[in-house]
Amino acid sequence: MGEREFPLASRVGQAAGAFYQAATDPDRQFRFGLDTVVAGLLRS
Protein backbone atom coordinates (compact mmCIF):
# COMPACT_ATOMS: atom_id res chain seq x y z
CA MET A 1 0.00 0.00 0.00
CA GLY A 2 1.49 3.27 -1.03
CA GLU A 3 1.82 6.05 1.49
CA ARG A 4 1.11 8.65 -1.18
CA GLU A 5 -2.10 6.95 -2.34
CA PHE A 6 -3.43 6.18 1.15
CA PRO A 7 -1.90 8.63 3.63
CA LEU A 8 -4.46 8.12 6.41
CA ALA A 9 -4.33 4.33 6.19
CA SER A 10 -0.56 4.52 6.24
CA ARG A 11 -0.56 6.60 9.43
CA VAL A 12 -3.09 4.28 11.09
CA GLY A 13 -1.01 1.25 10.14
CA GLN A 14 2.15 2.84 11.53
CA ALA A 15 0.40 3.73 14.79
CA ALA A 16 -0.99 0.19 15.17
CA GLY A 17 2.41 -1.28 14.40
CA ALA A 18 4.06 0.91 17.01
CA PHE A 19 1.41 0.07 19.62
CA TYR A 20 1.57 -3.70 19.09
CA GLN A 21 5.27 -3.76 18.23
CA ALA A 22 4.16 -5.62 15.09
CA ALA A 23 2.22 -4.98 11.90
CA THR A 24 -0.96 -6.36 13.46
CA ASP A 25 -2.39 -7.62 16.74
CA PRO A 26 -1.19 -11.24 17.02
CA ASP A 27 -3.85 -12.18 19.60
CA ARG A 28 -6.61 -10.96 17.31
CA GLN A 29 -5.15 -12.88 14.36
CA PHE A 30 -4.91 -16.06 16.43
CA ARG A 31 -8.49 -15.73 17.66
CA PHE A 32 -9.76 -15.11 14.11
CA GLY A 33 -7.90 -18.17 12.83
CA LEU A 34 -9.12 -20.37 15.67
CA ASP A 35 -12.72 -19.22 15.24
CA THR A 36 -12.50 -19.92 11.51
CA VAL A 37 -11.16 -23.45 12.04
CA VAL A 38 -13.76 -24.25 14.69
CA ALA A 39 -16.59 -22.94 12.50
CA GLY A 40 -15.34 -25.12 9.65
CA LEU A 41 -15.23 -28.18 11.89
CA LEU A 42 -18.73 -27.58 13.17
CA ARG A 43 -20.06 -27.47 9.61
CA SER A 44 -18.60 -30.89 8.84
PDB file of N, CA and C in Angstrom:
ATOM      1  N   MET A   1       0.854  -1.159   0.000  1.00  0.00           N
ATOM      2  CA  MET A   1       0.000   0.000   0.000  1.00  0.00           C
ATOM      3  C   MET A   1       0.903   1.225   0.000  1.00  0.00           C
ATOM      4  N   GLY A   2       0.663   2.090  -0.913  1.00  0.00           N
ATOM      5  CA  GLY A   2       1.492   3.274  -1.031  1.00  0.00           C
ATOM      6  C   GLY A   2       1.092   4.377  -0.069  1.00  0.00           C
ATOM      7  N   GLU A   3       2.084   4.975   0.545  1.00  0.00           N
ATOM      8  CA  GLU A   3       1.817   6.053   1.495  1.00  0.00           C
ATOM      9  C   GLU A   3       1.224   7.268   0.795  1.00  0.00           C
ATOM     10  N   ARG A   4       1.628   7.487  -0.449  1.00  0.00           N
ATOM     11  CA  ARG A   4       1.115   8.650  -1.184  1.00  0.00           C
ATOM     12  C   ARG A   4      -0.349   8.447  -1.576  1.00  0.00           C
ATOM     13  N   GLU A   5      -0.714   7.224  -1.926  1.00  0.00           N
ATOM     14  CA  GLU A   5      -2.095   6.948  -2.345  1.00  0.00           C
ATOM     15  C   GLU A   5      -3.057   6.875  -1.167  1.00  0.00           C
ATOM     16  N   PHE A   6      -2.578   6.395  -0.028  1.00  0.00           N
ATOM     17  CA  PHE A   6      -3.429   6.178   1.149  1.00  0.00           C
ATOM     18  C   PHE A   6      -2.746   6.743   2.399  1.00  0.00           C
ATOM     19  N   PRO A   7      -2.651   8.060   2.508  1.00  0.00           N
ATOM     20  CA  PRO A   7      -1.901   8.633   3.630  1.00  0.00           C
ATOM     21  C   PRO A   7      -2.516   8.345   5.003  1.00  0.00           C
ATOM     22  N   LEU A   8      -3.829   8.391   5.109  1.00  0.00           N
ATOM     23  CA  LEU A   8      -4.464   8.125   6.407  1.00  0.00           C
ATOM     24  C   LEU A   8      -4.274   6.669   6.808  1.00  0.00           C
ATOM     25  N   ALA A   9      -4.514   5.753   5.890  1.00  0.00           N
ATOM     26  CA  ALA A   9      -4.331   4.328   6.189  1.00  0.00           C
ATOM     27  C   ALA A   9      -2.883   4.037   6.563  1.00  0.00           C
ATOM     28  N   SER A  10      -1.966   4.711   5.929  1.00  0.00           N
ATOM     29  CA  SER A  10      -0.560   4.523   6.236  1.00  0.00           C
ATOM     30  C   SER A  10      -0.249   4.968   7.665  1.00  0.00           C
ATOM     31  N   ARG A  11      -0.794   6.107   8.069  1.00  0.00           N
ATOM     32  CA  ARG A  11      -0.559   6.596   9.434  1.00  0.00           C
ATOM     33  C   ARG A  11      -1.214   5.686  10.467  1.00  0.00           C
ATOM     34  N   VAL A  12      -2.405   5.195  10.167  1.00  0.00           N
ATOM     35  CA  VAL A  12      -3.086   4.283  11.090  1.00  0.00           C
ATOM     36  C   VAL A  12      -2.277   2.990  11.223  1.00  0.00           C
ATOM     37  N   GLY A  13      -1.810   2.472  10.103  1.00  0.00           N
ATOM     38  CA  GLY A  13      -1.007   1.254  10.141  1.00  0.00           C
ATOM     39  C   GLY A  13       0.276   1.439  10.928  1.00  0.00           C
ATOM     40  N   GLN A  14       0.925   2.573  10.775  1.00  0.00           N
ATOM     41  CA  GLN A  14       2.151   2.842  11.526  1.00  0.00           C
ATOM     42  C   GLN A  14       1.863   2.952  13.018  1.00  0.00           C
ATOM     43  N   ALA A  15       0.756   3.597  13.374  1.00  0.00           N
ATOM     44  CA  ALA A  15       0.399   3.730  14.789  1.00  0.00           C
ATOM     45  C   ALA A  15       0.075   2.363  15.398  1.00  0.00           C
ATOM     46  N   ALA A  16      -0.669   1.530  14.666  1.00  0.00           N
ATOM     47  CA  ALA A  16      -0.994   0.194  15.166  1.00  0.00           C
ATOM     48  C   ALA A  16       0.268  -0.640  15.303  1.00  0.00           C
ATOM     49  N   GLY A  17       1.155  -0.541  14.330  1.00  0.00           N
ATOM     50  CA  GLY A  17       2.409  -1.281  14.396  1.00  0.00           C
ATOM     51  C   GLY A  17       3.247  -0.865  15.585  1.00  0.00           C
ATOM     52  N   ALA A  18       3.290   0.425  15.867  1.00  0.00           N
ATOM     53  CA  ALA A  18       4.055   0.907  17.012  1.00  0.00           C
ATOM     54  C   ALA A  18       3.422   0.452  18.321  1.00  0.00           C
ATOM     55  N   PHE A  19       2.099   0.465  18.394  1.00  0.00           N
ATOM     56  CA  PHE A  19       1.407   0.068  19.618  1.00  0.00           C
ATOM     57  C   PHE A  19       1.616  -1.413  19.921  1.00  0.00           C
ATOM     58  N   TYR A  20       1.461  -2.260  18.896  1.00  0.00           N
ATOM     59  CA  TYR A  20       1.569  -3.705  19.094  1.00  0.00           C
ATOM     60  C   TYR A  20       2.980  -4.237  18.881  1.00  0.00           C
ATOM     61  N   GLN A  21       3.901  -3.353  18.523  1.00  0.00           N
ATOM     62  CA  GLN A  21       5.270  -3.756  18.226  1.00  0.00           C
ATOM     63  C   GLN A  21       5.285  -4.793  17.103  1.00  0.00           C
ATOM     64  N   ALA A  22       4.305  -4.712  16.230  1.00  0.00           N
ATOM     65  CA  ALA A  22       4.157  -5.617  15.090  1.00  0.00           C
ATOM     66  C   ALA A  22       3.211  -4.954  14.095  1.00  0.00           C
ATOM     67  N   ALA A  23       3.107  -5.545  12.923  1.00  0.00           N
ATOM     68  CA  ALA A  23       2.223  -4.977  11.904  1.00  0.00           C
ATOM     69  C   ALA A  23       0.753  -5.116  12.267  1.00  0.00           C
ATOM     70  N   THR A  24       0.424  -6.133  13.058  1.00  0.00           N
ATOM     71  CA  THR A  24      -0.959  -6.359  13.456  1.00  0.00           C
ATOM     72  C   THR A  24      -1.003  -6.881  14.883  1.00  0.00           C
ATOM     73  N   ASP A  25      -2.200  -7.071  15.399  1.00  0.00           N
ATOM     74  CA  ASP A  25      -2.394  -7.616  16.743  1.00  0.00           C
ATOM     75  C   ASP A  25      -2.346  -9.140  16.661  1.00  0.00           C
ATOM     76  N   PRO A  26      -1.301  -9.788  17.152  1.00  0.00           N
ATOM     77  CA  PRO A  26      -1.193 -11.238  17.019  1.00  0.00           C
ATOM     78  C   PRO A  26      -2.295 -12.004  17.753  1.00  0.00           C
ATOM     79  N   ASP A  27      -2.764 -11.495  18.880  1.00  0.00           N
ATOM     80  CA  ASP A  27      -3.845 -12.175  19.600  1.00  0.00           C
ATOM     81  C   ASP A  27      -5.137 -12.168  18.789  1.00  0.00           C
ATOM     82  N   ARG A  28      -5.404 -11.054  18.148  1.00  0.00           N
ATOM     83  CA  ARG A  28      -6.610 -10.964  17.314  1.00  0.00           C
ATOM     84  C   ARG A  28      -6.506 -11.902  16.113  1.00  0.00           C
ATOM     85  N   GLN A  29      -5.337 -11.967  15.494  1.00  0.00           N
ATOM     86  CA  GLN A  29      -5.146 -12.876  14.364  1.00  0.00           C
ATOM     87  C   GLN A  29      -5.325 -14.323  14.792  1.00  0.00           C
ATOM     88  N   PHE A  30      -4.774 -14.688  15.945  1.00  0.00           N
ATOM     89  CA  PHE A  30      -4.914 -16.056  16.433  1.00  0.00           C
ATOM     90  C   PHE A  30      -6.376 -16.392  16.684  1.00  0.00           C
ATOM     91  N   ARG A  31      -7.083 -15.484  17.338  1.00  0.00           N
ATOM     92  CA  ARG A  31      -8.492 -15.727  17.655  1.00  0.00           C
ATOM     93  C   ARG A  31      -9.321 -15.872  16.374  1.00  0.00           C
ATOM     94  N   PHE A  32      -9.060 -15.017  15.381  1.00  0.00           N
ATOM     95  CA  PHE A  32      -9.758 -15.111  14.111  1.00  0.00           C
ATOM     96  C   PHE A  32      -9.495 -16.462  13.454  1.00  0.00           C
ATOM     97  N   GLY A  33      -8.247 -16.881  13.430  1.00  0.00           N
ATOM     98  CA  GLY A  33      -7.900 -18.167  12.829  1.00  0.00           C
ATOM     99  C   GLY A  33      -8.555 -19.323  13.558  1.00  0.00           C
ATOM    100  N   LEU A  34      -8.514 -19.298  14.871  1.00  0.00           N
ATOM    101  CA  LEU A  34      -9.119 -20.366  15.669  1.00  0.00           C
ATOM    102  C   LEU A  34     -10.630 -20.417  15.452  1.00  0.00           C
ATOM    103  N   ASP A  35     -11.275 -19.263  15.477  1.00  0.00           N
ATOM    104  CA  ASP A  35     -12.724 -19.217  15.238  1.00  0.00           C
ATOM    105  C   ASP A  35     -13.077 -19.755  13.856  1.00  0.00           C
ATOM    106  N   THR A  36     -12.254 -19.450  12.867  1.00  0.00           N
ATOM    107  CA  THR A  36     -12.498 -19.922  11.508  1.00  0.00           C
ATOM    108  C   THR A  36     -12.374 -21.437  11.416  1.00  0.00           C
ATOM    109  N   VAL A  37     -11.351 -21.991  12.047  1.00  0.00           N
ATOM    110  CA  VAL A  37     -11.155 -23.448  12.035  1.00  0.00           C
ATOM    111  C   VAL A  37     -12.303 -24.144  12.764  1.00  0.00           C
ATOM    112  N   VAL A  38     -12.677 -23.628  13.911  1.00  0.00           N
ATOM    113  CA  VAL A  38     -13.763 -24.249  14.693  1.00  0.00           C
ATOM    114  C   VAL A  38     -15.076 -24.185  13.916  1.00  0.00           C
ATOM    115  N   ALA A  39     -15.364 -23.061  13.283  1.00  0.00           N
ATOM    116  CA  ALA A  39     -16.588 -22.937  12.499  1.00  0.00           C
ATOM    117  C   ALA A  39     -16.588 -23.941  11.345  1.00  0.00           C
ATOM    118  N   GLY A  40     -15.438 -24.138  10.724  1.00  0.00           N
ATOM    119  CA  GLY A  40     -15.337 -25.120   9.650  1.00  0.00           C
ATOM    120  C   GLY A  40     -15.562 -26.541  10.138  1.00  0.00           C
ATOM    121  N   LEU A  41     -15.032 -26.846  11.310  1.00  0.00           N
ATOM    122  CA  LEU A  41     -15.228 -28.184  11.886  1.00  0.00           C
ATOM    123  C   LEU A  41     -16.674 -28.423  12.276  1.00  0.00           C
ATOM    124  N   LEU A  42     -17.328 -27.422  12.773  1.00  0.00           N
ATOM    125  CA  LEU A  42     -18.734 -27.578  13.166  1.00  0.00           C
ATOM    126  C   LEU A  42     -19.648 -27.779  11.974  1.00  0.00           C
ATOM    127  N   ARG A  43     -19.255 -27.289  10.806  1.00  0.00           N
ATOM    128  CA  ARG A  43     -20.059 -27.470   9.607  1.00  0.00           C
ATOM    129  C   ARG A  43     -19.913 -28.875   9.028  1.00  0.00           C
ATOM    130  N   SER A  44     -18.863 -29.555   9.412  1.00  0.00           N
ATOM    131  CA  SER A  44     -18.596 -30.889   8.839  1.00  0.00           C
ATOM    132  C   SER A  44     -19.548 -31.933   9.383  1.00  0.00           C
TER     133      SER A  44
END
